[in-house]
Amino acid sequence: MIFSMFAWHVEDHYLYSINYHHCGASKTWYGIPGQAALQFEKVVKEHVYTHDIISTDGEDGAFDVLLGKTTLFPPNILLEHDVPFYKAVQKPGEFVVTFLRAYHAGFSHGFNCGDVNFAIGDWFPLGAIASRRYALLNRMPLLPHEELLCKEAMLLYTSLELEDSEYSSADLDSHQCIKTSFVKLMRFQHRARWSLMKSGLG
């Protein structure tokens, strides 16, 4: 059935996604853990695509084509090359969550209705990597990563200044990811401005 399949892809900017199955036929999902993303891309580059399909050299070659969300192939190719993957069958009333940088694909068994991307603090370091890869491939980013990071850092600063609340370890981990990402961004901006000034372009 048309539109019943979703090709192998990673969420835009490596975001999380959550899909709630409201009603209708079941849906089969195949997923790759985020830490196996580069291994997955390597197998796709070497065993799925031909050289005339991949226009970009290096490790971004497969990523560039996969961004088009048009790649379908059976998971047995992954089995043959030791890429870990999981299968789930989602029924009405169930959620499927995909994690950061986790490639996934699947198909609906018939008509159904499901919904969405989201981010928490631990996304910001991977969001920066995704933004750099988009830039290297001359692709327009879908999210203003730097703007989101700056706004989140300001909100965090304000909330930490105003409250004396106790935070959970998950909140503290999230806060640390935001702080670290913000510091890295500021250092990058400083180096970029300094380089421009030294070259006489600033």
N, C-alpha and C. Protein backbone atom coordinates (compact mmCIF):
# COMPACT_ATOMS: atom_id res chain seq x y z
N MET A 1 0.85 -1.17 0.00
CA MET A 1 0.00 0.00 0.00
C MET A 1 0.90 1.24 0.00
N ILE A 2 0.55 2.25 -0.77
CA ILE A 2 1.36 3.46 -0.86
C ILE A 2 1.48 4.13 0.51
N PHE A 3 2.65 4.64 0.82
CA PHE A 3 2.99 5.30 2.08
C PHE A 3 2.94 4.37 3.29
N SER A 4 2.90 3.07 3.08
CA SER A 4 2.83 2.16 4.23
C SER A 4 4.21 1.86 4.80
N MET A 5 5.27 2.20 4.07
CA MET A 5 6.64 1.92 4.53
C MET A 5 7.35 3.21 4.89
N PHE A 6 8.27 3.13 5.83
CA PHE A 6 9.15 4.26 6.08
C PHE A 6 10.58 3.76 5.96
N ALA A 7 11.33 4.44 5.11
CA ALA A 7 12.68 4.01 4.73
C ALA A 7 13.65 4.19 5.90
N TRP A 8 14.83 3.54 5.77
CA TRP A 8 15.87 3.69 6.78
C TRP A 8 16.25 5.16 6.92
N HIS A 9 16.22 5.65 8.12
CA HIS A 9 16.59 7.04 8.36
C HIS A 9 16.90 7.24 9.83
N VAL A 10 17.53 8.36 10.11
CA VAL A 10 17.75 8.83 11.46
C VAL A 10 16.95 10.12 11.56
N GLU A 11 16.41 10.43 12.72
CA GLU A 11 15.61 11.65 12.84
C GLU A 11 16.45 12.87 12.52
N ASP A 12 15.81 13.90 11.98
CA ASP A 12 16.51 15.14 11.65
C ASP A 12 17.27 15.64 12.87
N HIS A 13 18.51 16.02 12.64
CA HIS A 13 19.39 16.52 13.70
C HIS A 13 19.59 15.52 14.83
N TYR A 14 19.40 14.24 14.53
CA TYR A 14 19.60 13.16 15.51
C TYR A 14 18.66 13.25 16.71
N LEU A 15 17.51 13.83 16.52
CA LEU A 15 16.55 13.97 17.63
C LEU A 15 15.98 12.63 18.07
N TYR A 16 15.40 12.62 19.25
CA TYR A 16 14.57 11.50 19.67
C TYR A 16 13.28 11.54 18.85
N SER A 17 12.56 10.45 18.81
CA SER A 17 11.19 10.51 18.30
C SER A 17 10.31 9.63 19.17
N ILE A 18 9.05 9.96 19.19
CA ILE A 18 8.09 9.15 19.91
C ILE A 18 6.89 8.96 18.99
N ASN A 19 6.44 7.75 18.86
CA ASN A 19 5.31 7.47 18.00
C ASN A 19 4.24 6.77 18.83
N TYR A 20 3.09 7.41 18.94
CA TYR A 20 1.96 6.78 19.63
C TYR A 20 1.01 6.23 18.58
N HIS A 21 0.65 4.97 18.72
CA HIS A 21 -0.23 4.31 17.75
C HIS A 21 -1.67 4.49 18.23
N HIS A 22 -2.39 5.41 17.58
CA HIS A 22 -3.76 5.72 18.00
C HIS A 22 -4.73 4.59 17.66
N CYS A 23 -4.70 4.17 16.41
CA CYS A 23 -5.68 3.16 15.99
C CYS A 23 -5.24 2.53 14.67
N GLY A 24 -5.86 1.42 14.33
CA GLY A 24 -5.61 0.78 13.03
C GLY A 24 -4.69 -0.41 13.11
N ALA A 25 -4.17 -0.78 11.95
CA ALA A 25 -3.33 -1.97 11.81
C ALA A 25 -1.99 -1.78 12.53
N SER A 26 -1.36 -2.87 12.87
CA SER A 26 -0.05 -2.85 13.54
C SER A 26 1.02 -2.28 12.62
N LYS A 27 2.16 -1.99 13.23
CA LYS A 27 3.29 -1.42 12.49
C LYS A 27 4.55 -2.16 12.93
N THR A 28 5.36 -2.62 11.98
CA THR A 28 6.63 -3.28 12.29
C THR A 28 7.77 -2.26 12.19
N TRP A 29 8.61 -2.26 13.21
CA TRP A 29 9.77 -1.36 13.27
C TRP A 29 11.06 -2.18 13.32
N TYR A 30 12.09 -1.68 12.65
CA TYR A 30 13.45 -2.18 12.78
C TYR A 30 14.30 -1.01 13.27
N GLY A 31 15.14 -1.23 14.27
CA GLY A 31 15.92 -0.14 14.82
C GLY A 31 17.36 -0.52 15.09
N ILE A 32 18.24 0.45 14.92
CA ILE A 32 19.68 0.31 15.18
C ILE A 32 20.01 1.17 16.40
N PRO A 33 20.75 0.67 17.37
CA PRO A 33 21.15 1.53 18.50
C PRO A 33 22.00 2.71 18.01
N GLY A 34 21.85 3.85 18.64
CA GLY A 34 22.58 5.05 18.23
C GLY A 34 24.09 4.86 18.19
N GLN A 35 24.63 4.06 19.10
CA GLN A 35 26.08 3.88 19.11
C GLN A 35 26.57 3.05 17.92
N ALA A 36 25.65 2.43 17.18
CA ALA A 36 26.03 1.65 15.99
C ALA A 36 25.75 2.42 14.70
N ALA A 37 25.44 3.72 14.80
CA ALA A 37 25.07 4.51 13.62
C ALA A 37 26.17 4.53 12.56
N LEU A 38 27.41 4.77 12.96
CA LEU A 38 28.51 4.83 11.98
C LEU A 38 28.77 3.46 11.36
N GLN A 39 28.64 2.41 12.15
CA GLN A 39 28.79 1.04 11.64
C GLN A 39 27.69 0.76 10.61
N PHE A 40 26.46 1.19 10.91
CA PHE A 40 25.34 1.04 9.99
C PHE A 40 25.62 1.78 8.68
N GLU A 41 26.05 3.04 8.77
CA GLU A 41 26.34 3.84 7.58
C GLU A 41 27.44 3.20 6.73
N LYS A 42 28.44 2.63 7.39
CA LYS A 42 29.53 1.97 6.67
C LYS A 42 29.02 0.76 5.87
N VAL A 43 28.16 -0.05 6.49
CA VAL A 43 27.59 -1.21 5.81
C VAL A 43 26.72 -0.76 4.64
N VAL A 44 25.92 0.28 4.86
CA VAL A 44 25.08 0.80 3.77
C VAL A 44 25.94 1.28 2.61
N LYS A 45 27.01 2.01 2.94
CA LYS A 45 27.91 2.54 1.90
C LYS A 45 28.58 1.43 1.10
N GLU A 46 29.00 0.37 1.81
CA GLU A 46 29.78 -0.68 1.15
C GLU A 46 28.94 -1.81 0.55
N HIS A 47 27.71 -2.02 1.05
CA HIS A 47 26.95 -3.19 0.62
C HIS A 47 25.55 -2.90 0.09
N VAL A 48 25.12 -1.64 0.16
CA VAL A 48 23.78 -1.31 -0.34
C VAL A 48 23.88 -0.39 -1.56
N TYR A 49 24.67 0.67 -1.45
CA TYR A 49 24.79 1.65 -2.52
C TYR A 49 25.91 1.29 -3.49
N THR A 50 25.78 1.79 -4.70
CA THR A 50 26.87 1.70 -5.66
C THR A 50 27.56 3.05 -5.73
N HIS A 51 28.74 3.10 -6.32
CA HIS A 51 29.51 4.36 -6.36
C HIS A 51 28.79 5.46 -7.13
N ASP A 52 27.93 5.12 -8.09
CA ASP A 52 27.23 6.16 -8.84
C ASP A 52 26.08 6.78 -8.04
N ILE A 53 25.67 6.15 -6.94
CA ILE A 53 24.62 6.71 -6.08
C ILE A 53 25.23 7.67 -5.06
N ILE A 54 26.38 7.32 -4.52
CA ILE A 54 27.02 8.15 -3.49
C ILE A 54 27.87 9.21 -4.16
N SER A 55 27.52 10.48 -3.91
CA SER A 55 28.25 11.58 -4.54
C SER A 55 29.25 12.21 -3.59
N THR A 56 29.15 11.92 -2.29
CA THR A 56 30.05 12.50 -1.29
C THR A 56 31.02 11.45 -0.79
N ASP A 57 32.30 11.81 -0.74
CA ASP A 57 33.32 10.88 -0.26
C ASP A 57 33.32 10.81 1.27
N GLY A 58 34.03 9.85 1.79
CA GLY A 58 34.22 9.73 3.23
C GLY A 58 33.01 9.18 3.95
N GLU A 59 33.04 9.34 5.28
CA GLU A 59 31.98 8.75 6.10
C GLU A 59 30.64 9.43 5.92
N ASP A 60 30.61 10.64 5.32
CA ASP A 60 29.33 11.33 5.12
C ASP A 60 28.62 10.89 3.85
N GLY A 61 29.24 10.06 3.04
CA GLY A 61 28.64 9.64 1.78
C GLY A 61 27.30 8.96 1.95
N ALA A 62 27.24 7.95 2.80
CA ALA A 62 25.98 7.23 3.03
C ALA A 62 24.99 8.12 3.78
N PHE A 63 25.49 8.88 4.75
CA PHE A 63 24.62 9.77 5.53
C PHE A 63 23.85 10.72 4.61
N ASP A 64 24.55 11.27 3.62
CA ASP A 64 23.94 12.22 2.69
C ASP A 64 22.77 11.58 1.95
N VAL A 65 22.95 10.36 1.46
CA VAL A 65 21.88 9.68 0.71
C VAL A 65 20.76 9.24 1.66
N LEU A 66 21.13 8.77 2.85
CA LEU A 66 20.12 8.33 3.82
C LEU A 66 19.22 9.49 4.26
N LEU A 67 19.73 10.73 4.22
CA LEU A 67 18.91 11.88 4.59
C LEU A 67 17.69 12.02 3.68
N GLY A 68 17.77 11.47 2.48
CA GLY A 68 16.65 11.54 1.55
C GLY A 68 15.49 10.64 1.93
N LYS A 69 15.71 9.76 2.90
CA LYS A 69 14.66 8.85 3.41
C LYS A 69 14.03 8.02 2.28
N THR A 70 14.89 7.47 1.42
CA THR A 70 14.40 6.67 0.29
C THR A 70 15.04 5.28 0.26
N THR A 71 15.85 4.95 1.25
CA THR A 71 16.62 3.71 1.21
C THR A 71 15.89 2.58 1.94
N LEU A 72 15.61 1.52 1.22
CA LEU A 72 15.01 0.32 1.80
C LEU A 72 15.88 -0.88 1.46
N PHE A 73 16.13 -1.73 2.43
CA PHE A 73 16.83 -2.99 2.19
C PHE A 73 16.49 -3.91 3.36
N PRO A 74 16.58 -5.21 3.15
CA PRO A 74 16.21 -6.15 4.21
C PRO A 74 17.24 -6.16 5.34
N PRO A 75 16.79 -6.36 6.57
CA PRO A 75 17.72 -6.35 7.70
C PRO A 75 18.72 -7.50 7.72
N ASN A 76 18.52 -8.51 6.86
CA ASN A 76 19.50 -9.60 6.86
C ASN A 76 20.89 -9.12 6.41
N ILE A 77 20.96 -8.01 5.66
CA ILE A 77 22.25 -7.42 5.29
C ILE A 77 22.98 -6.97 6.55
N LEU A 78 22.23 -6.45 7.51
CA LEU A 78 22.84 -6.03 8.77
C LEU A 78 23.32 -7.23 9.58
N LEU A 79 22.51 -8.29 9.57
CA LEU A 79 22.91 -9.53 10.26
C LEU A 79 24.22 -10.07 9.72
N GLU A 80 24.35 -10.05 8.39
CA GLU A 80 25.55 -10.58 7.74
C GLU A 80 26.81 -9.81 8.11
N HIS A 81 26.63 -8.53 8.53
CA HIS A 81 27.79 -7.68 8.82
C HIS A 81 27.84 -7.25 10.29
N ASP A 82 27.17 -8.03 11.14
CA ASP A 82 27.24 -7.85 12.60
C ASP A 82 26.82 -6.46 13.09
N VAL A 83 25.86 -5.84 12.41
CA VAL A 83 25.30 -4.58 12.90
C VAL A 83 24.12 -4.95 13.80
N PRO A 84 24.13 -4.53 15.06
CA PRO A 84 23.02 -4.89 15.94
C PRO A 84 21.73 -4.18 15.52
N PHE A 85 20.63 -4.91 15.52
CA PHE A 85 19.34 -4.27 15.23
C PHE A 85 18.25 -5.01 16.00
N TYR A 86 17.14 -4.31 16.15
CA TYR A 86 16.01 -4.85 16.90
C TYR A 86 14.74 -4.72 16.08
N LYS A 87 13.79 -5.59 16.36
CA LYS A 87 12.50 -5.57 15.66
C LYS A 87 11.40 -5.46 16.72
N ALA A 88 10.39 -4.65 16.42
CA ALA A 88 9.24 -4.52 17.32
C ALA A 88 7.98 -4.42 16.47
N VAL A 89 6.90 -4.98 16.96
CA VAL A 89 5.60 -4.83 16.32
C VAL A 89 4.75 -3.98 17.25
N GLN A 90 4.36 -2.80 16.75
CA GLN A 90 3.60 -1.84 17.54
C GLN A 90 2.11 -1.99 17.27
N LYS A 91 1.33 -2.07 18.34
CA LYS A 91 -0.12 -2.22 18.24
C LYS A 91 -0.80 -0.96 18.77
N PRO A 92 -2.09 -0.76 18.47
CA PRO A 92 -2.79 0.42 18.99
C PRO A 92 -2.65 0.54 20.51
N GLY A 93 -2.44 1.78 20.97
CA GLY A 93 -2.27 2.04 22.40
C GLY A 93 -0.84 1.94 22.87
N GLU A 94 0.10 1.63 21.97
CA GLU A 94 1.50 1.48 22.36
C GLU A 94 2.35 2.63 21.81
N PHE A 95 3.45 2.90 22.52
CA PHE A 95 4.43 3.90 22.11
C PHE A 95 5.67 3.20 21.57
N VAL A 96 6.32 3.82 20.59
CA VAL A 96 7.68 3.44 20.19
C VAL A 96 8.52 4.70 20.28
N VAL A 97 9.62 4.60 21.02
CA VAL A 97 10.55 5.72 21.17
C VAL A 97 11.84 5.35 20.45
N THR A 98 12.33 6.24 19.60
CA THR A 98 13.65 6.05 19.00
C THR A 98 14.60 7.03 19.67
N PHE A 99 15.80 6.55 19.95
CA PHE A 99 16.75 7.34 20.70
C PHE A 99 17.69 8.11 19.78
N LEU A 100 18.56 8.91 20.39
CA LEU A 100 19.46 9.78 19.64
C LEU A 100 20.28 8.99 18.62
N ARG A 101 20.28 9.47 17.40
CA ARG A 101 21.10 8.94 16.30
C ARG A 101 20.78 7.48 15.98
N ALA A 102 19.57 7.03 16.29
CA ALA A 102 19.18 5.63 16.08
C ALA A 102 18.45 5.50 14.73
N TYR A 103 19.10 4.84 13.78
CA TYR A 103 18.47 4.59 12.48
C TYR A 103 17.31 3.61 12.68
N HIS A 104 16.26 3.80 11.89
CA HIS A 104 15.11 2.91 11.96
C HIS A 104 14.36 2.91 10.64
N ALA A 105 13.58 1.86 10.43
CA ALA A 105 12.76 1.70 9.22
C ALA A 105 11.59 0.80 9.61
N GLY A 106 10.63 0.68 8.72
CA GLY A 106 9.53 -0.23 9.01
C GLY A 106 8.39 -0.09 8.04
N PHE A 107 7.27 -0.70 8.42
CA PHE A 107 6.11 -0.67 7.54
C PHE A 107 4.84 -0.89 8.35
N SER A 108 3.76 -0.37 7.84
CA SER A 108 2.44 -0.56 8.45
C SER A 108 1.80 -1.79 7.83
N HIS A 109 1.05 -2.51 8.63
CA HIS A 109 0.38 -3.71 8.14
C HIS A 109 -0.95 -3.38 7.47
N GLY A 110 -1.29 -2.11 7.45
CA GLY A 110 -2.54 -1.63 6.86
C GLY A 110 -2.75 -0.19 7.32
N PHE A 111 -3.95 0.32 7.14
CA PHE A 111 -4.23 1.71 7.53
C PHE A 111 -4.11 1.87 9.04
N ASN A 112 -3.44 2.96 9.47
CA ASN A 112 -3.35 3.27 10.89
C ASN A 112 -3.09 4.76 11.08
N CYS A 113 -3.12 5.17 12.32
CA CYS A 113 -2.87 6.58 12.65
C CYS A 113 -1.93 6.66 13.83
N GLY A 114 -0.81 7.30 13.65
CA GLY A 114 0.18 7.44 14.71
C GLY A 114 0.79 8.84 14.67
N ASP A 115 1.31 9.34 15.75
CA ASP A 115 2.01 10.58 15.69
C ASP A 115 3.41 10.27 16.11
N VAL A 116 6.71 11.91 16.84
CA VAL A 116 6.87 13.33 16.96
C VAL A 116 8.27 13.49 17.56
N ASN A 117 8.94 14.29 17.18
CA ASN A 117 10.31 14.46 17.65
C ASN A 117 10.34 15.25 18.95
N PHE A 118 11.34 14.99 19.78
CA PHE A 118 11.54 15.78 20.98
C PHE A 118 13.01 15.73 21.36
N ALA A 119 13.41 16.60 22.25
CA ALA A 119 14.80 16.63 22.71
C ALA A 119 14.84 16.91 24.20
N ILE A 120 15.86 16.35 24.85
CA ILE A 120 16.19 16.72 26.21
C ILE A 120 17.66 17.11 26.20
N GLY A 121 18.20 17.48 27.34
CA GLY A 121 19.54 18.05 27.39
C GLY A 121 20.63 17.23 26.73
N ASP A 122 20.54 15.90 26.81
CA ASP A 122 21.62 15.09 26.25
C ASP A 122 21.66 15.10 24.73
N TRP A 123 20.67 15.72 24.08
CA TRP A 123 20.65 15.82 22.63
C TRP A 123 21.64 16.88 22.12
N PHE A 124 21.89 17.93 22.89
CA PHE A 124 22.66 19.06 22.37
C PHE A 124 24.03 18.70 21.80
N PRO A 125 24.84 17.84 22.43
CA PRO A 125 26.13 17.48 21.80
C PRO A 125 25.94 16.78 20.45
N LEU A 126 24.98 15.87 20.34
CA LEU A 126 24.75 15.20 19.06
C LEU A 126 24.10 16.15 18.05
N GLY A 127 23.26 17.06 18.52
CA GLY A 127 22.68 18.07 17.63
C GLY A 127 23.75 18.92 16.98
N ALA A 128 24.82 19.22 17.73
CA ALA A 128 25.94 19.99 17.17
C ALA A 128 26.66 19.20 16.09
N ILE A 129 26.85 17.90 16.32
CA ILE A 129 27.50 17.04 15.31
C ILE A 129 26.64 16.99 14.06
N ALA A 130 25.33 16.81 14.23
CA ALA A 130 24.42 16.75 13.08
C ALA A 130 24.46 18.06 12.30
N SER A 131 24.46 19.19 13.00
CA SER A 131 24.50 20.49 12.32
C SER A 131 25.78 20.64 11.50
N ARG A 132 26.92 20.18 12.06
CA ARG A 132 28.19 20.25 11.31
C ARG A 132 28.12 19.38 10.06
N ARG A 133 27.55 18.19 10.20
CA ARG A 133 27.45 17.30 9.03
C ARG A 133 26.55 17.93 7.97
N TYR A 134 25.44 18.54 8.38
CA TYR A 134 24.56 19.22 7.43
C TYR A 134 25.35 20.31 6.69
N ALA A 135 26.14 21.09 7.45
CA ALA A 135 26.90 22.19 6.84
C ALA A 135 27.93 21.66 5.85
N LEU A 136 28.65 20.59 6.21
CA LEU A 136 29.65 20.01 5.31
C LEU A 136 29.02 19.51 4.01
N LEU A 137 27.75 19.11 4.07
CA LEU A 137 27.05 18.60 2.89
C LEU A 137 26.24 19.69 2.18
N ASN A 138 26.41 20.94 2.64
CA ASN A 138 25.66 22.08 2.09
C ASN A 138 24.15 21.86 2.14
N ARG A 139 23.70 21.25 3.24
CA ARG A 139 22.27 21.04 3.44
C ARG A 139 21.76 22.07 4.44
N MET A 140 20.56 22.57 4.17
CA MET A 140 19.94 23.54 5.05
C MET A 140 19.52 22.85 6.35
N PRO A 141 19.96 23.37 7.50
CA PRO A 141 19.52 22.76 8.76
C PRO A 141 18.02 22.97 8.95
N LEU A 142 17.39 21.99 9.58
CA LEU A 142 15.95 22.09 9.82
C LEU A 142 15.65 22.73 11.16
N LEU A 143 16.65 22.78 12.02
CA LEU A 143 16.51 23.38 13.34
C LEU A 143 17.64 24.38 13.56
N PRO A 144 17.35 25.48 14.24
CA PRO A 144 18.43 26.42 14.59
C PRO A 144 19.14 25.96 15.87
N HIS A 145 20.03 24.99 15.73
CA HIS A 145 20.67 24.36 16.89
C HIS A 145 21.31 25.39 17.82
N GLU A 146 22.09 26.32 17.26
CA GLU A 146 22.79 27.29 18.11
C GLU A 146 21.81 28.18 18.87
N GLU A 147 20.74 28.58 18.19
CA GLU A 147 19.73 29.43 18.85
C GLU A 147 19.04 28.66 19.99
N LEU A 148 18.68 27.41 19.73
CA LEU A 148 18.04 26.59 20.77
C LEU A 148 18.97 26.41 21.96
N LEU A 149 20.25 26.16 21.69
CA LEU A 149 21.22 25.96 22.76
C LEU A 149 21.37 27.23 23.60
N CYS A 150 21.48 28.38 22.95
CA CYS A 150 21.62 29.64 23.69
C CYS A 150 20.39 29.93 24.54
N LYS A 151 19.21 29.71 23.98
CA LYS A 151 17.98 29.94 24.75
C LYS A 151 17.88 28.97 25.93
N GLU A 152 18.25 27.73 25.71
CA GLU A 152 18.19 26.74 26.79
C GLU A 152 19.21 27.07 27.88
N ALA A 153 20.39 27.53 27.48
CA ALA A 153 21.41 27.92 28.46
C ALA A 153 20.94 29.10 29.30
N MET A 154 20.28 30.06 28.66
CA MET A 154 19.75 31.21 29.40
C MET A 154 18.64 30.79 30.36
N LEU A 155 17.76 29.90 29.92
CA LEU A 155 16.70 29.40 30.80
C LEU A 155 17.29 28.64 31.98
N LEU A 156 18.30 27.85 31.72
CA LEU A 156 18.95 27.09 32.78
C LEU A 156 19.61 28.03 33.78
N TYR A 157 20.32 29.03 33.26
CA TYR A 157 20.98 30.01 34.14
C TYR A 157 19.96 30.71 35.02
N THR A 158 18.84 31.14 34.43
CA THR A 158 17.80 31.84 35.18
C THR A 158 17.17 30.94 36.23
N SER A 159 16.87 29.71 35.85
CA SER A 159 16.22 28.80 36.80
C SER A 159 17.15 28.42 37.94
N LEU A 160 18.44 28.23 37.66
CA LEU A 160 19.39 27.88 38.71
C LEU A 160 19.63 29.06 39.65
N GLU A 161 19.52 30.28 39.10
CA GLU A 161 19.74 31.49 39.89
C GLU A 161 18.55 31.75 40.83
N LEU A 162 17.33 31.44 40.35
CA LEU A 162 16.13 31.74 41.11
C LEU A 162 15.74 30.67 42.13
N GLU A 163 16.09 29.43 41.85
CA GLU A 163 15.60 28.33 42.68
C GLU A 163 16.72 27.72 43.52
N ASP A 164 16.30 27.17 44.63
CA ASP A 164 17.21 26.39 45.46
C ASP A 164 16.72 24.95 45.50
N SER A 165 16.08 24.52 44.41
CA SER A 165 15.47 23.19 44.38
C SER A 165 16.53 22.12 44.26
N GLU A 166 16.15 20.92 44.69
CA GLU A 166 17.01 19.77 44.47
C GLU A 166 16.63 19.15 43.14
N TYR A 167 17.63 18.76 42.38
CA TYR A 167 17.40 18.18 41.05
C TYR A 167 17.75 16.70 41.07
N SER A 168 17.05 15.95 40.24
CA SER A 168 17.36 14.53 40.10
C SER A 168 18.69 14.38 39.36
N SER A 169 19.26 13.18 39.41
CA SER A 169 20.53 12.96 38.70
C SER A 169 20.33 13.11 37.19
N ALA A 170 19.15 12.74 36.68
CA ALA A 170 18.87 12.90 35.25
C ALA A 170 18.84 14.38 34.88
N ASP A 171 18.22 15.22 35.74
CA ASP A 171 18.20 16.66 35.50
C ASP A 171 19.61 17.22 35.51
N LEU A 172 20.42 16.79 36.48
CA LEU A 172 21.78 17.29 36.58
C LEU A 172 22.62 16.88 35.37
N ASP A 173 22.41 15.66 34.88
CA ASP A 173 23.11 15.21 33.66
C ASP A 173 22.70 16.07 32.47
N SER A 174 21.41 16.35 32.37
CA SER A 174 20.89 17.18 31.29
C SER A 174 21.48 18.59 31.38
N HIS A 175 21.51 19.15 32.60
CA HIS A 175 22.09 20.48 32.80
C HIS A 175 23.56 20.50 32.38
N GLN A 176 24.29 19.45 32.73
CA GLN A 176 25.71 19.39 32.39
C GLN A 176 25.92 19.34 30.88
N CYS A 177 25.08 18.58 30.17
CA CYS A 177 25.17 18.51 28.69
C CYS A 177 24.94 19.89 28.08
N ILE A 178 23.96 20.61 28.60
CA ILE A 178 23.66 21.95 28.07
C ILE A 178 24.83 22.89 28.35
N LYS A 179 25.34 22.87 29.58
CA LYS A 179 26.48 23.75 29.93
C LYS A 179 27.69 23.46 29.05
N THR A 180 28.04 22.18 28.94
CA THR A 180 29.22 21.79 28.15
C THR A 180 29.06 22.20 26.69
N SER A 181 27.88 21.95 26.13
CA SER A 181 27.62 22.30 24.73
C SER A 181 27.69 23.81 24.53
N PHE A 182 27.17 24.56 25.47
CA PHE A 182 27.19 26.02 25.37
C PHE A 182 28.62 26.54 25.42
N VAL A 183 29.43 26.02 26.33
CA VAL A 183 30.83 26.45 26.44
C VAL A 183 31.58 26.13 25.14
N LYS A 184 31.35 24.93 24.57
CA LYS A 184 32.00 24.57 23.31
C LYS A 184 31.59 25.52 22.19
N LEU A 185 30.31 25.89 22.15
CA LEU A 185 29.83 26.82 21.12
C LEU A 185 30.49 28.18 21.29
N MET A 186 30.58 28.69 22.52
CA MET A 186 31.19 30.00 22.75
C MET A 186 32.67 29.99 22.37
N ARG A 187 33.36 28.88 22.70
CA ARG A 187 34.78 28.78 22.32
C ARG A 187 34.94 28.75 20.80
N PHE A 188 34.07 28.02 20.13
CA PHE A 188 34.12 27.97 18.66
C PHE A 188 33.88 29.37 18.08
N GLN A 189 32.87 30.08 18.60
CA GLN A 189 32.56 31.43 18.11
C GLN A 189 33.75 32.36 18.32
N HIS A 190 34.38 32.25 19.48
CA HIS A 190 35.53 33.10 19.80
C HIS A 190 36.68 32.82 18.83
N ARG A 191 36.98 31.53 18.61
CA ARG A 191 38.07 31.17 17.67
C ARG A 191 37.76 31.64 16.25
N ALA A 192 36.50 31.49 15.83
CA ALA A 192 36.11 31.90 14.48
C ALA A 192 36.27 33.40 14.30
N ARG A 193 35.83 34.18 15.29
CA ARG A 193 35.97 35.65 15.21
C ARG A 193 37.44 36.06 15.20
N TRP A 194 38.26 35.40 16.04
CA TRP A 194 39.68 35.71 16.11
C TRP A 194 40.36 35.41 14.77
N SER A 195 39.99 34.28 14.16
CA SER A 195 40.57 33.93 12.86
C SER A 195 40.19 34.95 11.79
N LEU A 196 38.94 35.40 11.81
CA LEU A 196 38.49 36.40 10.85
C LEU A 196 39.22 37.72 11.05
N MET A 197 39.40 38.12 12.31
CA MET A 197 40.12 39.37 12.58
C MET A 197 41.57 39.28 12.13
N LYS A 198 42.22 38.14 12.39
CA LYS A 198 43.62 37.97 12.00
C LYS A 198 43.78 37.98 10.47
N SER A 199 42.77 37.46 9.78
CA SER A 199 42.87 37.42 8.32
C SER A 199 42.46 38.73 7.67
N GLY A 200 41.99 39.68 8.49
CA GLY A 200 41.58 40.98 7.96
C GLY A 200 40.16 41.01 7.41
N LEU A 201 39.41 39.93 7.61
CA LEU A 201 38.03 39.88 7.11
C LEU A 201 37.03 40.35 8.15
N GLY A 202 37.44 40.41 9.42
CA GLY A 202 36.52 40.73 10.52
C GLY A 202 36.35 42.18 10.78
